[in-house]
Amino acid sequence: QMQLVESGGGLVQPGGSLRLSCAASGFTTDDYAIGWFRQAPGKEREEVSCISSRGGSTYYVDSVKGRFTISRDNAKNTVYLQMNTVKPEDTTVYYCATQCSARTWYPWGQGTQVTVSS
């Protein structure tokens, strides 16, 4: 069964850092672009970042450019989202998926909660 599991969320102070992990099981990530998404209560899910299958191309939403870095380790079947200089508005649940668009149907997982607060 193909599955992606998000982890690494938690409580962090404004200006701090956090690294999220997206671990794949049941398939290898080599052939897939992997995206990170977030959805605040009452809002639509938005694309945060995406990385191509070989890691040569990345995308970031404007609000996280210069603060977040996406990377992948295909040997470990894992994609990471390094979150630096976090802000309270980054607080929400983060999800990963084998796609870069939030508008395409996807069997979303549980996600990982990120809370930025002092």
C-alpha atoms as a PDB file:
ATOM      1  CA  GLN A   1       0.000   0.000   0.000  1.00  0.00           C
ATOM      2  CA  MET A   2       1.413   3.353  -1.055  1.00  0.00           C
ATOM      3  CA  GLN A   3       1.565   5.711   1.861  1.00  0.00           C
ATOM      4  CA  LEU A   4       3.200   8.965   2.922  1.00  0.00           C
ATOM      5  CA  VAL A   5       3.495   9.759   6.619  1.00  0.00           C
ATOM      6  CA  GLU A   6       4.239  13.245   7.896  1.00  0.00           C
ATOM      7  CA  SER A   7       6.133  13.881  11.126  1.00  0.00           C
ATOM      8  CA  GLY A   8       8.260  16.463  12.871  1.00  0.00           C
ATOM      9  CA  GLY A   9       5.647  19.007  13.793  1.00  0.00           C
ATOM     10  CA  GLY A  10       5.364  20.570  17.206  1.00  0.00           C
ATOM     11  CA  LEU A  11       5.439  23.769  19.177  1.00  0.00           C
ATOM     12  CA  VAL A  12       8.134  26.276  18.244  1.00  0.00           C
ATOM     13  CA  GLN A  13       8.728  29.884  19.183  1.00  0.00           C
ATOM     14  CA  PRO A  14       8.565  32.635  16.572  1.00  0.00           C
ATOM     15  CA  GLY A  15      11.899  32.876  14.830  1.00  0.00           C
ATOM     16  CA  GLY A  16      12.709  29.270  15.587  1.00  0.00           C
ATOM     17  CA  SER A  17      13.210  26.268  13.341  1.00  0.00           C
ATOM     18  CA  LEU A  18      11.549  22.958  12.711  1.00  0.00           C
ATOM     19  CA  ARG A  19      12.149  20.144  10.227  1.00  0.00           C
ATOM     20  CA  LEU A  20       9.234  18.194   8.868  1.00  0.00           C
ATOM     21  CA  SER A  21       9.660  14.743   7.361  1.00  0.00           C
ATOM     22  CA  CYS A  22       7.565  12.947   4.780  1.00  0.00           C
ATOM     23  CA  ALA A  23       8.368   9.242   4.755  1.00  0.00           C
ATOM     24  CA  ALA A  24       7.148   6.952   2.013  1.00  0.00           C
ATOM     25  CA  SER A  25       6.231   3.310   2.378  1.00  0.00           C
ATOM     26  CA  GLY A  26       5.035   0.818  -0.178  1.00  0.00           C
ATOM     27  CA  PHE A  27       6.715   2.604  -3.043  1.00  0.00           C
ATOM     28  CA  THR A  28       9.893   4.459  -3.902  1.00  0.00           C
ATOM     29  CA  THR A  29       9.821   8.218  -4.178  1.00  0.00           C
ATOM     30  CA  ASP A  30      12.348   8.357  -7.028  1.00  0.00           C
ATOM     31  CA  ASP A  31       9.708   8.722  -9.719  1.00  0.00           C
ATOM     32  CA  TYR A  32       7.526  11.264  -7.958  1.00  0.00           C
ATOM     33  CA  ALA A  33       7.537  14.949  -7.366  1.00  0.00           C
ATOM     34  CA  ILE A  34       6.644  15.521  -3.720  1.00  0.00           C
ATOM     35  CA  GLY A  35       4.789  18.525  -2.419  1.00  0.00           C
ATOM     36  CA  TRP A  36       4.216  20.020   1.012  1.00  0.00           C
ATOM     37  CA  PHE A  37       0.867  21.650   1.716  1.00  0.00           C
ATOM     38  CA  ARG A  38      -0.889  23.309   4.608  1.00  0.00           C
ATOM     39  CA  GLN A  39      -4.462  24.020   5.492  1.00  0.00           C
ATOM     40  CA  ALA A  40      -5.609  26.406   8.167  1.00  0.00           C
ATOM     41  CA  PRO A  41      -9.104  26.003   9.636  1.00  0.00           C
ATOM     42  CA  GLY A  42     -11.712  27.469   7.311  1.00  0.00           C
ATOM     43  CA  LYS A  43      -9.247  27.975   4.505  1.00  0.00           C
ATOM     44  CA  GLU A  44      -8.373  26.072   1.376  1.00  0.00           C
ATOM     45  CA  ARG A  45      -5.355  23.835   1.299  1.00  0.00           C
ATOM     46  CA  GLU A  46      -2.412  25.671  -0.224  1.00  0.00           C
ATOM     47  CA  GLU A  47       0.800  24.539  -1.845  1.00  0.00           C
ATOM     48  CA  VAL A  48       3.777  25.427   0.321  1.00  0.00           C
ATOM     49  CA  SER A  49       6.629  23.831  -1.579  1.00  0.00           C
ATOM     50  CA  CYS A  50       7.353  21.129  -4.113  1.00  0.00           C
ATOM     51  CA  ILE A  51      10.415  19.269  -5.325  1.00  0.00           C
ATOM     52  CA  SER A  52      10.887  17.376  -8.559  1.00  0.00           C
ATOM     53  CA  SER A  53      11.578  13.656  -8.578  1.00  0.00           C
ATOM     54  CA  ARG A  54      15.353  14.094  -8.835  1.00  0.00           C
ATOM     55  CA  GLY A  55      15.458  17.238  -6.761  1.00  0.00           C
ATOM     56  CA  GLY A  56      16.591  19.503  -9.542  1.00  0.00           C
ATOM     57  CA  SER A  57      13.586  21.789  -9.437  1.00  0.00           C
ATOM     58  CA  THR A  58      11.816  23.344  -6.477  1.00  0.00           C
ATOM     59  CA  TYR A  59       8.856  25.614  -5.878  1.00  0.00           C
ATOM     60  CA  TYR A  60       7.964  27.790  -2.896  1.00  0.00           C
ATOM     61  CA  VAL A  61       4.922  29.885  -2.206  1.00  0.00           C
ATOM     62  CA  ASP A  62       5.905  33.532  -1.804  1.00  0.00           C
ATOM     63  CA  SER A  63       5.132  33.605   1.924  1.00  0.00           C
ATOM     64  CA  VAL A  64       7.844  31.042   2.728  1.00  0.00           C
ATOM     65  CA  LYS A  65      10.543  31.937   0.219  1.00  0.00           C
ATOM     66  CA  GLY A  66      13.878  32.465   1.925  1.00  0.00           C
ATOM     67  CA  ARG A  67      12.652  30.753   5.104  1.00  0.00           C
ATOM     68  CA  PHE A  68      11.701  27.198   4.115  1.00  0.00           C
ATOM     69  CA  THR A  69      13.830  24.687   2.230  1.00  0.00           C
ATOM     70  CA  ILE A  70      12.578  21.483   0.675  1.00  0.00           C
ATOM     71  CA  SER A  71      14.933  18.580   0.101  1.00  0.00           C
ATOM     72  CA  ARG A  72      14.775  14.883  -0.533  1.00  0.00           C
ATOM     73  CA  ASP A  73      16.791  11.792   0.238  1.00  0.00           C
ATOM     74  CA  ASN A  74      15.633   9.142  -2.189  1.00  0.00           C
ATOM     75  CA  ALA A  75      17.859   6.559  -0.525  1.00  0.00           C
ATOM     76  CA  LYS A  76      15.797   7.042   2.624  1.00  0.00           C
ATOM     77  CA  ASN A  77      12.530   7.458   0.720  1.00  0.00           C
ATOM     78  CA  THR A  78      11.990  10.711   2.589  1.00  0.00           C
ATOM     79  CA  VAL A  79      11.341  14.336   1.738  1.00  0.00           C
ATOM     80  CA  TYR A  80      12.030  17.110   4.224  1.00  0.00           C
ATOM     81  CA  LEU A  81      10.791  20.628   4.798  1.00  0.00           C
ATOM     82  CA  GLN A  82      13.226  22.719   6.811  1.00  0.00           C
ATOM     83  CA  MET A  83      11.332  25.605   8.340  1.00  0.00           C
ATOM     84  CA  ASN A  84      13.436  28.506   9.582  1.00  0.00           C
ATOM     85  CA  THR A  85      12.448  31.885  10.999  1.00  0.00           C
ATOM     86  CA  VAL A  86       8.945  30.581  11.552  1.00  0.00           C
ATOM     87  CA  LYS A  87       6.081  32.988  12.102  1.00  0.00           C
ATOM     88  CA  PRO A  88       2.756  32.633  13.943  1.00  0.00           C
ATOM     89  CA  GLU A  89       1.007  32.600  10.569  1.00  0.00           C
ATOM     90  CA  ASP A  90       2.841  29.348   9.757  1.00  0.00           C
ATOM     91  CA  THR A  91       0.715  27.656  12.393  1.00  0.00           C
ATOM     92  CA  THR A  92      -1.443  24.942  10.871  1.00  0.00           C
ATOM     93  CA  VAL A  93      -1.406  21.297   9.784  1.00  0.00           C
ATOM     94  CA  TYR A  94       1.142  20.355   7.133  1.00  0.00           C
ATOM     95  CA  TYR A  95       0.659  17.545   4.647  1.00  0.00           C
ATOM     96  CA  CYS A  96       2.772  15.949   1.950  1.00  0.00           C
ATOM     97  CA  ALA A  97       1.676  14.289  -1.262  1.00  0.00           C
ATOM     98  CA  THR A  98       2.968  12.803  -4.512  1.00  0.00           C
ATOM     99  CA  GLN A  99       1.843  15.857  -6.410  1.00  0.00           C
ATOM    100  CA  CYS A 100       2.461  19.582  -6.460  1.00  0.00           C
ATOM    101  CA  SER A 101      -1.099  20.854  -6.759  1.00  0.00           C
ATOM    102  CA  ALA A 102      -3.573  21.195  -3.916  1.00  0.00           C
ATOM    103  CA  ARG A 103      -6.441  21.320  -6.433  1.00  0.00           C
ATOM    104  CA  THR A 104      -6.143  17.705  -7.543  1.00  0.00           C
ATOM    105  CA  TRP A 105      -7.909  15.057  -5.521  1.00  0.00           C
ATOM    106  CA  TYR A 106      -5.566  13.178  -3.211  1.00  0.00           C
ATOM    107  CA  PRO A 107      -6.021  10.720  -0.315  1.00  0.00           C
ATOM    108  CA  TRP A 108      -4.496  13.104   2.221  1.00  0.00           C
ATOM    109  CA  GLY A 109      -2.907  11.648   5.346  1.00  0.00           C
ATOM    110  CA  GLN A 110      -3.164  12.883   8.913  1.00  0.00           C
ATOM    111  CA  GLY A 111      -0.592  15.609   8.495  1.00  0.00           C
ATOM    112  CA  THR A 112       1.591  17.052  11.219  1.00  0.00           C
ATOM    113  CA  GLN A 113       0.622  20.027  13.366  1.00  0.00           C
ATOM    114  CA  VAL A 114       2.956  22.998  13.518  1.00  0.00           C
ATOM    115  CA  THR A 115       2.273  25.615  16.167  1.00  0.00           C
ATOM    116  CA  VAL A 116       4.314  28.804  16.291  1.00  0.00           C
ATOM    117  CA  SER A 117       3.780  30.585  19.556  1.00  0.00           C
ATOM    118  CA  SER A 118       5.709  32.175  22.371  1.00  0.00           C
END
